[in-house]
Amino acid sequence: MCARADRPARTDDPTGSLAAVLPARPGKARLSLRRVARRNADLSPGRSPRRQIVGILRLVLAGAEVLALLGYFGYILGFKSFIVYNYFSYFTVQSAIAAVGVFIAAGIVALRREVDLPWLDWIRLLVTTYMIVSGIVFLAIVIQSSSRAYTMEVPWSTQLLHFWIPGIALVDWLTDTGKARLPWTTLAWVMLVPSVWGAFTLIRGALVRWYPYFFLDPKQVSGPLETVLYCIVAVALFTGIAALLTWSSRGWRGLTPPLPPLPTA
């Protein structure tokens, strides 16, 4: 019996999965094969040594974050005016707690996959932005305190929370070849958490007469106008850093090795 002319014979698929019927046009055929190859690459388990190392380092970073949180809690526990629930009012502490979960999830994904999950990278970008801004703001506070002849201690836990861990998280993001290509619409979500935190902190501060940062207290600055100016600077920092991280994910994404050119015939 003769094969029917309208049922093309199967061919070997270099991507590892067979397409049922290739499109008639060569351009569409190449596009279809590339999509299959990219899909298979995204679903493949992470076996490369580099991804294994990245996964382990992210888990270690999560452990270091937990250690820094405990150390910082023990440090401020020595102050007579310390109140437990004030500890969780700091934006740095909240972003660090979120970072622990993100580092653990990102580490597990890196151990199992060659590429990151887009939704996880979306959250990782936000948390990394929050940690970096917290470090910049704290550094500004330290510099300002020294200029006003006020001694401000910076214990090892504070250094980890504000400088070392955010710096390592930034390096991890910039050198990550498995991160997703995030859309610019990600920037629309950056200010959601800081806005909610800021509104809650201002309302709570007016009630309990305590603010986690001096520039949020109108009595510690020249007035409400200076507080607004500080908030504008913070918004610029959040947006600018998030834009840089988003651009880096689009500029040198490095999701998978380039696919080899497919034959035109």
Protein backbone atom coordinates (compact mmCIF):
# COMPACT_ATOMS: atom_id res chain seq x y z
CA MET A 1 0.00 0.00 0.00
CA CYS A 2 1.16 3.52 -0.74
CA ALA A 3 1.41 6.17 1.92
CA ARG A 4 -1.07 8.99 1.65
CA ALA A 5 0.44 12.15 0.24
CA ASP A 6 -1.27 14.37 2.79
CA ARG A 7 0.42 12.62 5.76
CA PRO A 8 4.12 13.58 5.81
CA ALA A 9 6.60 11.06 7.17
CA ARG A 10 8.01 11.69 10.65
CA THR A 11 11.51 13.03 10.99
CA ASP A 12 13.92 13.04 13.89
CA ASP A 13 13.34 16.03 16.13
CA PRO A 14 16.63 17.48 17.47
CA THR A 15 14.77 19.02 20.43
CA GLY A 16 13.82 15.68 21.92
CA SER A 17 10.08 15.81 21.18
CA LEU A 18 8.32 15.16 17.87
CA ALA A 19 6.03 17.74 16.35
CA ALA A 20 2.86 16.18 15.05
CA VAL A 21 2.82 18.05 11.78
CA LEU A 22 5.28 20.76 10.81
CA PRO A 23 3.85 23.96 9.33
CA ALA A 24 3.96 24.17 5.59
CA ARG A 25 6.06 27.37 5.50
CA PRO A 26 9.78 26.93 6.33
CA GLY A 27 9.81 30.05 8.52
CA LYS A 28 6.98 28.76 10.66
CA ALA A 29 8.65 25.35 10.89
CA ARG A 30 11.84 26.89 12.28
CA LEU A 31 9.82 28.99 14.73
CA SER A 32 7.88 25.95 15.91
CA LEU A 33 11.03 23.92 16.49
CA ARG A 34 12.65 26.78 18.40
CA ARG A 35 9.63 27.08 20.65
CA VAL A 36 9.74 23.36 21.38
CA ALA A 37 13.46 23.55 22.08
CA ARG A 38 13.05 26.50 24.42
CA ARG A 39 10.15 24.79 26.20
CA ASN A 40 12.18 21.63 26.72
CA ALA A 41 15.13 23.67 27.98
CA ASP A 42 12.91 25.48 30.47
CA LEU A 43 11.53 22.20 31.81
CA SER A 44 14.84 20.38 31.99
CA PRO A 45 16.27 19.73 35.47
CA GLY A 46 19.28 21.75 36.54
CA ARG A 47 22.32 19.49 36.24
CA SER A 48 25.04 22.00 35.44
CA PRO A 49 27.63 22.46 38.21
CA ARG A 50 27.17 26.21 38.09
CA ARG A 51 23.46 26.02 38.87
CA GLN A 52 24.15 23.56 41.66
CA ILE A 53 26.63 25.99 43.21
CA VAL A 54 24.18 28.89 42.82
CA GLY A 55 21.45 26.87 44.52
CA ILE A 56 23.68 25.97 47.47
CA LEU A 57 24.89 29.56 47.86
CA ARG A 58 21.30 30.84 47.91
CA LEU A 59 20.43 28.41 50.68
CA VAL A 60 23.52 29.51 52.62
CA LEU A 61 22.47 33.12 52.09
CA ALA A 62 19.05 32.31 53.56
CA GLY A 63 20.77 30.83 56.62
CA ALA A 64 22.95 33.93 56.95
CA GLU A 65 19.84 36.11 56.80
CA VAL A 66 18.22 34.14 59.63
CA LEU A 67 21.42 34.43 61.68
CA ALA A 68 21.53 38.19 61.07
CA LEU A 69 17.89 38.62 62.11
CA LEU A 70 18.47 36.69 65.33
CA GLY A 71 21.68 38.60 66.04
CA TYR A 72 20.00 41.96 65.45
CA PHE A 73 17.10 40.96 67.70
CA GLY A 74 19.53 40.03 70.45
CA TYR A 75 21.39 43.32 69.99
CA ILE A 76 18.40 45.63 70.35
CA LEU A 77 17.06 43.44 73.15
CA GLY A 78 19.71 45.06 75.34
CA PHE A 79 18.09 48.49 75.11
CA LYS A 80 15.79 49.43 77.99
CA SER A 81 13.35 51.17 75.66
CA PHE A 82 13.10 48.11 73.41
CA ILE A 83 9.60 46.85 72.61
CA VAL A 84 9.29 43.53 70.81
CA TYR A 85 6.69 44.53 68.25
CA ASN A 86 8.76 47.58 67.32
CA TYR A 87 11.39 45.16 66.01
CA PHE A 88 9.02 43.96 63.32
CA SER A 89 8.14 47.53 62.35
CA TYR A 90 11.48 48.13 60.64
CA PHE A 91 11.30 47.90 56.87
CA THR A 92 14.72 46.25 56.87
CA VAL A 93 13.50 43.45 59.15
CA GLN A 94 10.36 42.87 57.10
CA SER A 95 12.27 42.74 53.81
CA ALA A 96 14.88 40.44 55.38
CA ILE A 97 12.17 38.01 56.57
CA ALA A 98 10.73 37.98 53.05
CA ALA A 99 14.23 37.45 51.65
CA VAL A 100 14.67 34.26 53.68
CA GLY A 101 11.71 32.63 51.93
CA VAL A 102 12.79 33.94 48.53
CA PHE A 103 16.38 32.70 48.93
CA ILE A 104 15.18 29.25 49.96
CA ALA A 105 12.75 29.00 47.05
CA ALA A 106 15.29 30.34 44.55
CA GLY A 107 17.94 27.96 45.87
CA ILE A 108 15.71 24.91 45.47
CA VAL A 109 14.75 25.99 41.95
CA ALA A 110 18.41 26.46 41.00
CA LEU A 111 19.20 22.94 42.24
CA ARG A 112 16.41 21.42 40.14
CA ARG A 113 16.20 23.59 37.02
CA GLU A 114 18.49 25.31 34.55
CA VAL A 115 16.21 28.37 34.50
CA ASP A 116 14.36 30.30 37.18
CA LEU A 117 10.60 30.54 37.41
CA PRO A 118 9.38 33.93 36.07
CA TRP A 119 7.03 34.58 38.99
CA LEU A 120 9.79 33.76 41.47
CA ASP A 121 12.20 36.14 39.74
CA TRP A 122 9.48 38.79 39.86
CA ILE A 123 9.29 38.46 43.64
CA ARG A 124 13.08 38.20 43.90
CA LEU A 125 13.47 41.49 42.06
CA LEU A 126 11.12 43.25 44.47
CA VAL A 127 12.79 41.82 47.59
CA THR A 128 16.28 42.57 46.27
CA THR A 129 15.19 46.15 45.57
CA TYR A 130 13.84 46.53 49.10
CA MET A 131 17.03 45.18 50.68
CA ILE A 132 19.27 47.46 48.62
CA VAL A 133 17.21 50.56 49.43
CA SER A 134 17.24 49.64 53.13
CA GLY A 135 21.02 49.44 52.99
CA ILE A 136 21.36 52.79 51.24
CA VAL A 137 19.02 54.50 53.70
CA PHE A 138 20.83 53.01 56.69
CA LEU A 139 24.19 54.10 55.28
CA ALA A 140 22.83 57.63 54.90
CA ILE A 141 21.65 57.58 58.52
CA VAL A 142 25.09 56.43 59.72
CA ILE A 143 26.83 59.16 57.72
CA GLN A 144 24.43 61.79 58.98
CA SER A 145 24.86 60.70 62.59
CA SER A 146 28.62 61.01 62.34
CA SER A 147 28.30 64.52 60.88
CA ARG A 148 26.17 65.50 63.89
CA ALA A 149 28.70 64.14 66.42
CA TYR A 150 26.36 61.28 67.32
CA THR A 151 27.89 57.85 67.78
CA MET A 152 25.89 55.07 66.12
CA GLU A 153 26.91 51.45 66.63
CA VAL A 154 26.96 49.11 63.65
CA PRO A 155 27.23 45.55 65.02
CA TRP A 156 27.92 42.52 62.84
CA SER A 157 24.22 41.67 62.55
CA THR A 158 23.43 45.15 61.26
CA GLN A 159 26.28 44.94 58.77
CA LEU A 160 24.94 41.64 57.46
CA LEU A 161 21.37 42.91 57.18
CA HIS A 162 22.13 46.25 55.55
CA PHE A 163 25.33 45.76 53.57
CA TRP A 164 26.70 42.25 53.05
CA ILE A 165 23.54 40.29 52.27
CA PRO A 166 21.99 42.96 49.99
CA GLY A 167 25.32 43.24 48.17
CA ILE A 168 25.55 39.49 47.64
CA ALA A 169 21.90 39.38 46.52
CA LEU A 170 22.67 42.09 43.96
CA VAL A 171 25.67 40.15 42.64
CA ASP A 172 23.55 37.02 42.46
CA TRP A 173 20.95 38.87 40.40
CA LEU A 174 23.39 40.51 38.01
CA THR A 175 25.37 37.31 37.38
CA ASP A 176 22.38 34.96 37.23
CA THR A 177 22.22 33.51 33.72
CA GLY A 178 19.01 31.65 34.48
CA LYS A 179 16.77 34.55 35.45
CA ALA A 180 13.61 35.32 33.52
CA ARG A 181 13.19 38.26 31.16
CA LEU A 182 10.88 40.46 33.23
CA PRO A 183 8.52 43.03 31.67
CA TRP A 184 8.76 46.74 32.43
CA THR A 185 5.31 46.54 34.01
CA THR A 186 7.11 45.07 37.01
CA LEU A 187 7.92 48.63 38.05
CA ALA A 188 4.23 49.28 38.65
CA TRP A 189 4.35 46.87 41.62
CA VAL A 190 7.55 48.10 43.26
CA MET A 191 5.93 50.78 45.42
CA LEU A 192 2.99 48.66 46.59
CA VAL A 193 4.67 47.24 49.71
CA PRO A 194 6.59 50.43 50.66
CA SER A 195 3.40 52.50 50.27
CA VAL A 196 1.38 50.22 52.53
CA TRP A 197 4.24 50.08 55.05
CA GLY A 198 4.69 53.87 54.95
CA ALA A 199 1.01 54.62 55.48
CA PHE A 200 0.79 52.14 58.37
CA THR A 201 4.00 53.46 59.96
CA LEU A 202 2.88 57.10 59.82
CA ILE A 203 -0.53 56.32 61.32
CA ARG A 204 0.94 54.05 64.00
CA GLY A 205 3.73 56.53 64.75
CA ALA A 206 1.23 59.31 65.38
CA LEU A 207 -0.62 57.04 67.82
CA VAL A 208 2.27 55.49 69.75
CA ARG A 209 4.73 58.36 69.18
CA TRP A 210 7.47 56.11 67.84
CA TYR A 211 8.91 55.86 64.33
CA PRO A 212 11.42 53.28 63.08
CA TYR A 213 13.32 55.99 61.14
CA PHE A 214 13.91 59.54 62.25
CA PHE A 215 12.94 61.17 58.95
CA LEU A 216 9.39 59.85 59.29
CA ASP A 217 8.91 61.77 62.53
CA PRO A 218 8.08 65.43 61.78
CA LYS A 219 9.40 66.39 65.24
CA GLN A 220 12.88 65.02 64.48
CA VAL A 221 13.14 66.97 61.24
CA SER A 222 12.15 70.47 60.26
CA GLY A 223 8.51 69.50 59.74
CA PRO A 224 6.13 67.49 57.54
CA LEU A 225 7.59 69.02 54.38
CA GLU A 226 11.03 67.51 55.04
CA THR A 227 9.39 64.15 55.74
CA VAL A 228 7.66 64.37 52.35
CA LEU A 229 10.98 65.20 50.68
CA TYR A 230 12.61 62.14 52.26
CA CYS A 231 9.72 60.00 51.02
CA ILE A 232 10.15 61.36 47.49
CA VAL A 233 13.83 60.41 47.59
CA ALA A 234 12.88 56.93 48.78
CA VAL A 235 10.40 56.54 45.91
CA ALA A 236 13.13 57.54 43.45
CA LEU A 237 15.49 54.96 44.97
CA PHE A 238 12.92 52.16 44.85
CA THR A 239 11.96 52.93 41.26
CA GLY A 240 15.50 53.51 40.01
CA ILE A 241 16.97 50.34 41.48
CA ALA A 242 14.02 48.23 40.33
CA ALA A 243 14.41 49.68 36.84
CA LEU A 244 18.10 48.76 36.83
CA LEU A 245 17.36 45.19 37.90
CA THR A 246 14.57 44.88 35.33
CA TRP A 247 16.83 46.20 32.59
CA SER A 248 19.56 43.76 33.55
CA SER A 249 17.12 40.86 33.20
CA ARG A 250 16.26 42.04 29.71
CA GLY A 251 19.77 43.11 28.70
CA TRP A 252 21.83 40.00 29.52
CA ARG A 253 19.22 37.45 30.37
CA GLY A 254 21.29 34.43 29.40
CA LEU A 255 18.33 32.12 29.97
CA THR A 256 19.66 29.20 27.96
CA PRO A 257 22.54 28.70 25.53
CA PRO A 258 21.72 30.03 22.05
CA LEU A 259 19.86 27.51 19.94
CA PRO A 260 21.76 26.30 16.90
CA PRO A 261 20.45 27.50 13.53
CA LEU A 262 17.96 25.13 12.00
CA PRO A 263 18.30 24.00 8.40
CA THR A 264 16.26 25.96 5.91
CA ALA A 265 15.54 22.95 3.74
